[in-house]
C-alpha atoms as a PDB file:
ATOM      1  CA  UNK A   1     115.733  75.525 112.225  1.00  0.00           C
ATOM      2  CA  UNK A   2     118.070  73.021 110.581  1.00  0.00           C
ATOM      3  CA  UNK A   3     119.087  73.360 106.927  1.00  0.00           C
ATOM      4  CA  UNK A   4     120.261  70.710 104.459  1.00  0.00           C
ATOM      5  CA  UNK A   5     123.162  71.309 102.081  1.00  0.00           C
ATOM      6  CA  UNK A   6     123.359  68.785  99.261  1.00  0.00           C
ATOM      7  CA  UNK A   7     123.940  68.243  95.560  1.00  0.00           C
ATOM      8  CA  UNK A   8     120.718  67.171  93.822  1.00  0.00           C
ATOM      9  CA  UNK A   9     120.654  63.815  92.064  1.00  0.00           C
ATOM     10  CA  UNK A  10     120.121  63.590  88.338  1.00  0.00           C
ATOM     11  CA  UNK A  11     116.649  63.214  86.929  1.00  0.00           C
ATOM     12  CA  UNK A  12     115.693  59.521  86.832  1.00  0.00           C
ATOM     13  CA  UNK A  13     113.705  60.020  83.628  1.00  0.00           C
ATOM     14  CA  UNK A  14     116.671  61.265  81.582  1.00  0.00           C
ATOM     15  CA  UNK A  15     120.305  60.313  81.211  1.00  0.00           C
ATOM     16  CA  UNK A  16     121.706  63.872  81.404  1.00  0.00           C
ATOM     17  CA  UNK A  17     123.355  65.408  84.433  1.00  0.00           C
ATOM     18  CA  UNK A  18     121.977  68.941  84.095  1.00  0.00           C
ATOM     19  CA  UNK A  19     121.447  70.907  87.321  1.00  0.00           C
ATOM     20  CA  UNK A  20     123.446  68.423  89.399  1.00  0.00           C
ATOM     21  CA  UNK A  21     126.712  70.341  89.698  1.00  0.00           C
ATOM     22  CA  UNK A  22     125.508  73.088  92.038  1.00  0.00           C
ATOM     23  CA  UNK A  23     124.946  72.783  95.778  1.00  0.00           C
ATOM     24  CA  UNK A  24     121.522  73.492  97.252  1.00  0.00           C
ATOM     25  CA  UNK A  25     120.565  74.782 100.710  1.00  0.00           C
ATOM     26  CA  UNK A  26     117.029  73.945 101.873  1.00  0.00           C
ATOM     27  CA  UNK A  27     115.375  74.137 105.256  1.00  0.00           C
ATOM     28  CA  UNK A  28     113.958  71.101 107.029  1.00  0.00           C
ATOM     29  CA  UNK A  29     110.178  71.289 107.541  1.00  0.00           C
ATOM     30  CA  UNK A  30     109.409  72.780 110.969  1.00  0.00           C
ATOM     31  CA  UNK A  31     105.749  71.773 111.052  1.00  0.00           C
ATOM     32  CA  UNK A  32     104.006  68.857 109.352  1.00  0.00           C
ATOM     33  CA  UNK A  33     101.749  69.481 106.400  1.00  0.00           C
ATOM     34  CA  UNK A  34      98.025  69.707 107.073  1.00  0.00           C
ATOM     35  CA  UNK A  35      95.185  68.486 104.890  1.00  0.00           C
ATOM     36  CA  UNK A  36      92.540  71.075 104.069  1.00  0.00           C
ATOM     37  CA  UNK A  37      89.176  69.545 105.029  1.00  0.00           C
ATOM     38  CA  UNK A  38      87.231  71.256 102.240  1.00  0.00           C
ATOM     39  CA  UNK A  39      89.423  70.749  99.179  1.00  0.00           C
ATOM     40  CA  UNK A  40      91.774  68.003 100.352  1.00  0.00           C
ATOM     41  CA  UNK A  41      94.908  69.973  99.450  1.00  0.00           C
ATOM     42  CA  UNK A  42      97.984  69.778 101.626  1.00  0.00           C
ATOM     43  CA  UNK A  43      99.309  73.021 103.044  1.00  0.00           C
ATOM     44  CA  UNK A  44     101.819  74.282 105.550  1.00  0.00           C
ATOM     45  CA  UNK A  45     102.286  77.509 107.469  1.00  0.00           C
ATOM     46  CA  UNK A  46     106.075  77.138 107.322  1.00  0.00           C
ATOM     47  CA  UNK A  47     107.322  79.644 104.714  1.00  0.00           C
ATOM     48  CA  UNK A  48     111.004  78.674 105.022  1.00  0.00           C
ATOM     49  CA  UNK A  49     110.121  75.310 103.563  1.00  0.00           C
ATOM     50  CA  UNK A  50     109.630  77.008 100.180  1.00  0.00           C
ATOM     51  CA  UNK A  51     113.085  78.613 100.215  1.00  0.00           C
ATOM     52  CA  UNK A  52     115.811  76.939  98.164  1.00  0.00           C
ATOM     53  CA  UNK A  53     119.203  78.564  97.504  1.00  0.00           C
ATOM     54  CA  UNK A  54     121.781  77.382  94.963  1.00  0.00           C
ATOM     55  CA  UNK A  55     125.549  77.806  95.287  1.00  0.00           C
ATOM     56  CA  UNK A  56     128.424  77.006  92.946  1.00  0.00           C
ATOM     57  CA  UNK A  57     130.538  75.246  95.586  1.00  0.00           C
ATOM     58  CA  UNK A  58     130.065  73.549  98.940  1.00  0.00           C
ATOM     59  CA  UNK A  59     132.317  76.143 100.584  1.00  0.00           C
ATOM     60  CA  UNK A  60     130.025  78.984  99.470  1.00  0.00           C
ATOM     61  CA  UNK A  61     126.971  77.225 100.904  1.00  0.00           C
ATOM     62  CA  UNK A  62     128.692  76.523 104.216  1.00  0.00           C
ATOM     63  CA  UNK A  63     130.003  80.105 104.426  1.00  0.00           C
ATOM     64  CA  UNK A  64     126.481  81.474 103.818  1.00  0.00           C
ATOM     65  CA  UNK A  65     125.002  79.243 106.521  1.00  0.00           C
ATOM     66  CA  UNK A  66     127.708  80.198 109.023  1.00  0.00           C
ATOM     67  CA  UNK A  67     127.457  83.915 108.232  1.00  0.00           C
ATOM     68  CA  UNK A  68     123.696  83.877 108.841  1.00  0.00           C
ATOM     69  CA  UNK A  69     123.900  81.585 111.921  1.00  0.00           C
ATOM     70  CA  UNK A  70     121.882  78.822 110.253  1.00  0.00           C
ATOM     71  CA  UNK A  71     122.485  75.354 111.718  1.00  0.00           C
ATOM     72  CA  UNK A  72     123.141  73.004 108.815  1.00  0.00           C
ATOM     73  CA  UNK A  73     123.902  69.433 107.889  1.00  0.00           C
ATOM     74  CA  UNK A  74     125.927  68.520 104.796  1.00  0.00           C
ATOM     75  CA  UNK A  75     124.961  65.476 102.727  1.00  0.00           C
ATOM     76  CA  UNK A  76     127.820  64.324 100.497  1.00  0.00           C
ATOM     77  CA  UNK A  77     126.726  62.950  97.121  1.00  0.00           C
ATOM     78  CA  UNK A  78     127.243  59.365  96.062  1.00  0.00           C
ATOM     79  CA  UNK A  79     129.406  59.322  92.950  1.00  0.00           C
ATOM     80  CA  UNK A  80     128.811  56.303  90.686  1.00  0.00           C
ATOM     81  CA  UNK A  81     131.888  54.383  89.630  1.00  0.00           C
ATOM     82  CA  UNK A  82     132.349  54.299  85.854  1.00  0.00           C
ATOM     83  CA  UNK A  83     132.262  50.820  84.349  1.00  0.00           C
ATOM     84  CA  UNK A  84     134.651  50.421  81.427  1.00  0.00           C
ATOM     85  CA  UNK A  85     132.887  49.062  78.360  1.00  0.00           C
ATOM     86  CA  UNK A  86     134.019  48.313  74.850  1.00  0.00           C
ATOM     87  CA  UNK A  87     131.945  47.681  71.750  1.00  0.00           C
ATOM     88  CA  UNK A  88     133.805  44.442  71.121  1.00  0.00           C
ATOM     89  CA  UNK A  89     132.508  43.041  74.435  1.00  0.00           C
ATOM     90  CA  UNK A  90     129.109  42.613  72.742  1.00  0.00           C
ATOM     91  CA  UNK A  91     130.590  39.868  70.535  1.00  0.00           C
ATOM     92  CA  UNK A  92     132.689  37.917  73.021  1.00  0.00           C
ATOM     93  CA  UNK A  93     132.227  34.166  72.938  1.00  0.00           C
ATOM     94  CA  UNK A  94     132.197  33.852  76.754  1.00  0.00           C
ATOM     95  CA  UNK A  95     129.349  36.339  77.417  1.00  0.00           C
ATOM     96  CA  UNK A  96     127.230  35.550  80.453  1.00  0.00           C
ATOM     97  CA  UNK A  97     124.061  36.664  78.654  1.00  0.00           C
ATOM     98  CA  UNK A  98     123.785  35.373  75.073  1.00  0.00           C
ATOM     99  CA  UNK A  99     123.317  37.810  72.272  1.00  0.00           C
ATOM    100  CA  UNK A 100     119.766  37.373  70.980  1.00  0.00           C
ATOM    101  CA  UNK A 101     120.099  38.406  67.344  1.00  0.00           C
END
């Protein structure tokens, strides 16, 4: 069963970067989820799908997967490029978007 090693993205609802520094190892789903005919809930008999391990570094996650003979795939995170901004840019005379106040 294949495992994914990745760094989680930040929460889209907040601007903070909490819980995005660690690396996570999760298993790919082996079987598709099934809909319970009585209640309509989704369920799965795959218990490894619930397992999620966190590591401080990518090397620790890869070493754990290799030591336990787990086939894995590493997803490298996309790092946003910082855009330099200055407060004085709000008052430039050649702004593309006019200041509305």
